[in-house]
C-alpha atoms as a PDB file:
ATOM      1  CA  MET A   1       2.439  47.462  15.822  1.00  0.00           C
ATOM      2  CA  LEU A   2       4.635  45.292  18.081  1.00  0.00           C
ATOM      3  CA  MET A   3       1.914  42.641  18.211  1.00  0.00           C
ATOM      4  CA  THR A   4       1.697  42.613  14.388  1.00  0.00           C
ATOM      5  CA  LEU A   5       5.480  42.119  14.087  1.00  0.00           C
ATOM      6  CA  LYS A   6       5.403  39.259  16.604  1.00  0.00           C
ATOM      7  CA  LYS A   7       2.558  37.630  14.700  1.00  0.00           C
ATOM      8  CA  ALA A   8       4.357  38.075  11.352  1.00  0.00           C
ATOM      9  CA  PHE A   9       7.572  36.661  12.836  1.00  0.00           C
ATOM     10  CA  ARG A  10       5.689  33.670  14.247  1.00  0.00           C
ATOM     11  CA  ILE A  11       4.047  32.950  10.871  1.00  0.00           C
ATOM     12  CA  LEU A  12       7.371  33.253   9.038  1.00  0.00           C
ATOM     13  CA  PHE A  13       9.063  31.001  11.591  1.00  0.00           C
ATOM     14  CA  PHE A  14       6.457  28.238  11.211  1.00  0.00           C
ATOM     15  CA  LEU A  15       6.531  28.619   7.430  1.00  0.00           C
ATOM     16  CA  PHE A  16      10.316  28.252   7.474  1.00  0.00           C
ATOM     17  CA  ILE A  17      10.117  25.127   9.658  1.00  0.00           C
ATOM     18  CA  PHE A  18       7.423  23.609   7.438  1.00  0.00           C
ATOM     19  CA  LEU A  19       9.307  24.261   4.198  1.00  0.00           C
ATOM     20  CA  THR A  20      12.648  22.966   5.468  1.00  0.00           C
ATOM     21  CA  THR A  21      11.020  19.843   6.867  1.00  0.00           C
ATOM     22  CA  PHE A  22       9.083  19.113   3.670  1.00  0.00           C
ATOM     23  CA  SER A  23      12.045  19.763   1.367  1.00  0.00           C
ATOM     24  CA  THR A  24      14.286  17.503   3.479  1.00  0.00           C
ATOM     25  CA  LEU A  25      11.712  14.729   3.440  1.00  0.00           C
ATOM     26  CA  HIS A  26      11.148  15.119  -0.269  1.00  0.00           C
ATOM     27  CA  ALA A  27      14.878  14.974  -1.061  1.00  0.00           C
ATOM     28  CA  ALA A  28      15.583  11.871   1.033  1.00  0.00           C
ATOM     29  CA  GLU A  29      16.227   8.538  -0.651  1.00  0.00           C
ATOM     30  CA  VAL A  30      14.176   5.710   0.754  1.00  0.00           C
ATOM     31  CA  THR A  31      14.587   2.066  -0.216  1.00  0.00           C
ATOM     32  CA  ILE A  32      11.168   0.488  -0.668  1.00  0.00           C
ATOM     33  CA  PHE A  33      12.285  -2.807  -2.223  1.00  0.00           C
ATOM     34  CA  GLY A  34      15.472  -4.815  -2.005  1.00  0.00           C
ATOM     35  CA  PRO A  35      18.189  -5.320  -2.368  1.00  0.00           C
ATOM     36  CA  GLN A  36      16.963  -8.522  -3.973  1.00  0.00           C
ATOM     37  CA  GLN A  37      19.082 -10.997  -5.924  1.00  0.00           C
ATOM     38  CA  PHE A  38      17.653 -12.925  -8.880  1.00  0.00           C
ATOM     39  CA  LEU A  39      19.841 -15.748 -10.210  1.00  0.00           C
ATOM     40  CA  ARG A  40      19.873 -17.125 -13.756  1.00  0.00           C
ATOM     41  CA  THR A  41      19.851 -20.916 -13.900  1.00  0.00           C
ATOM     42  CA  THR A  42      20.394 -23.235 -16.831  1.00  0.00           C
ATOM     43  CA  GLY A  43      17.487 -24.357 -18.956  1.00  0.00           C
ATOM     44  CA  ALA A  44      14.312 -22.399 -19.617  1.00  0.00           C
ATOM     45  CA  PRO A  45      14.269 -18.676 -18.849  1.00  0.00           C
ATOM     46  CA  ASN A  46      13.696 -17.780 -15.212  1.00  0.00           C
ATOM     47  CA  VAL A  47      10.673 -15.685 -14.291  1.00  0.00           C
ATOM     48  CA  TYR A  48      10.874 -13.756 -11.031  1.00  0.00           C
ATOM     49  CA  MET A  49       8.285 -11.450  -9.511  1.00  0.00           C
ATOM     50  CA  GLY A  50       8.589  -8.968  -6.690  1.00  0.00           C
ATOM     51  CA  SER A  51       6.216  -6.425  -5.260  1.00  0.00           C
ATOM     52  CA  PHE A  52       6.265  -3.418  -3.002  1.00  0.00           C
ATOM     53  CA  THR A  53       3.689  -1.023  -1.669  1.00  0.00           C
ATOM     54  CA  GLY A  54       3.654   2.627  -2.656  1.00  0.00           C
ATOM     55  CA  PHE A  55       3.680   3.974   0.891  1.00  0.00           C
ATOM     56  CA  PHE A  56       5.504   7.155  -0.140  1.00  0.00           C
ATOM     57  CA  THR A  57       3.733   7.770  -3.455  1.00  0.00           C
ATOM     58  CA  ASN A  58       2.052  10.964  -2.276  1.00  0.00           C
ATOM     59  CA  LEU A  59       5.322  12.433  -1.016  1.00  0.00           C
ATOM     60  CA  MET A  60       7.618  11.036  -3.716  1.00  0.00           C
ATOM     61  CA  PRO A  61       5.725  10.214  -6.912  1.00  0.00           C
ATOM     62  CA  THR A  62       8.886   9.300  -8.847  1.00  0.00           C
ATOM     63  CA  GLY A  63      11.605   6.839  -8.038  1.00  0.00           C
ATOM     64  CA  LYS A  64      14.838   5.252  -9.169  1.00  0.00           C
ATOM     65  CA  LEU A  65      15.312   1.616 -10.127  1.00  0.00           C
ATOM     66  CA  ILE A  66      18.905   0.406  -9.840  1.00  0.00           C
ATOM     67  CA  ILE A  67      19.938  -2.850 -11.532  1.00  0.00           C
ATOM     68  CA  LEU A  68      23.380  -4.344 -10.872  1.00  0.00           C
ATOM     69  CA  ASN A  69      24.241  -6.995 -13.470  1.00  0.00           C
ATOM     70  CA  GLY A  70      26.719  -9.570 -12.145  1.00  0.00           C
ATOM     71  CA  ASN A  71      29.635  -8.825  -9.841  1.00  0.00           C
ATOM     72  CA  GLN A  72      31.981  -5.977 -10.680  1.00  0.00           C
ATOM     73  CA  ILE A  73      35.654  -6.835 -10.156  1.00  0.00           C
ATOM     74  CA  GLY A  74      37.798  -3.720 -10.335  1.00  0.00           C
ATOM     75  CA  ASP A  75      36.948  -0.981 -12.829  1.00  0.00           C
ATOM     76  CA  HIS A  76      36.496  -3.003 -16.015  1.00  0.00           C
ATOM     77  CA  ARG A  77      35.810  -6.677 -15.296  1.00  0.00           C
ATOM     78  CA  ILE A  78      32.322  -8.081 -14.655  1.00  0.00           C
ATOM     79  CA  GLU A  79      31.676 -11.680 -13.585  1.00  0.00           C
ATOM     80  CA  ASP A  80      28.420 -13.646 -13.771  1.00  0.00           C
ATOM     81  CA  ALA A  81      26.618 -10.981 -15.806  1.00  0.00           C
ATOM     82  CA  ILE A  82      23.608 -11.876 -17.908  1.00  0.00           C
ATOM     83  CA  SER A  83      23.354 -10.919 -21.552  1.00  0.00           C
ATOM     84  CA  SER A  84      19.589 -10.703 -21.898  1.00  0.00           C
ATOM     85  CA  ALA A  85      16.621  -9.877 -19.665  1.00  0.00           C
ATOM     86  CA  GLU A  86      13.333  -8.015 -19.548  1.00  0.00           C
ATOM     87  CA  ILE A  87      12.242  -5.972 -16.536  1.00  0.00           C
ATOM     88  CA  TYR A  88       8.694  -4.705 -16.187  1.00  0.00           C
ATOM     89  CA  VAL A  89       7.233  -2.306 -13.617  1.00  0.00           C
ATOM     90  CA  ASN A  90       3.435  -2.150 -13.458  1.00  0.00           C
ATOM     91  CA  GLY A  91       3.241  -3.992 -16.771  1.00  0.00           C
ATOM     92  CA  GLU A  92       5.490  -1.489 -18.570  1.00  0.00           C
ATOM     93  CA  LEU A  93       8.780  -2.656 -20.078  1.00  0.00           C
ATOM     94  CA  ILE A  94      11.541  -0.686 -18.329  1.00  0.00           C
ATOM     95  CA  PHE A  95      14.638  -2.612 -19.493  1.00  0.00           C
ATOM     96  CA  SER A  96      14.687  -4.880 -22.553  1.00  0.00           C
ATOM     97  CA  GLN A  97      17.041  -7.560 -23.841  1.00  0.00           C
ATOM     98  CA  SER A  98      19.143  -4.989 -25.703  1.00  0.00           C
ATOM     99  CA  ASP A  99      19.918  -3.116 -22.457  1.00  0.00           C
ATOM    100  CA  PHE A 100      21.819  -6.081 -21.034  1.00  0.00           C
ATOM    101  CA  ASN A 101      25.125  -7.615 -22.018  1.00  0.00           C
ATOM    102  CA  LYS A 102      28.113  -9.126 -20.270  1.00  0.00           C
ATOM    103  CA  ASN A 103      29.903  -5.739 -20.208  1.00  0.00           C
ATOM    104  CA  VAL A 104      27.085  -3.730 -18.600  1.00  0.00           C
ATOM    105  CA  TYR A 105      27.142  -3.672 -14.799  1.00  0.00           C
ATOM    106  CA  LEU A 106      24.883  -0.771 -13.824  1.00  0.00           C
ATOM    107  CA  LEU A 107      21.492  -0.036 -15.348  1.00  0.00           C
END
């Protein structure tokens, strides 16, 4: 009986360690690309490309793309923002021209 309790305790202990480790790893934010700055120049539209490897895709199959448009000055003023852009990830349009304007800082 004592041996069975020790064995059950040992299994529960390792299960607890495994679950806490996995949930902590799964909840962590990991930057896999950037920060990267893309500048708009005069003339024809600029085309920029960037790539990253999906090292964590098995552990974290979803992600978050953060776009900062221009430079935020205070709470309401944005400098150097663009008013139109298209952003694709794996060939899929994520942000279109209508998502951008000179008053939108965070996408």
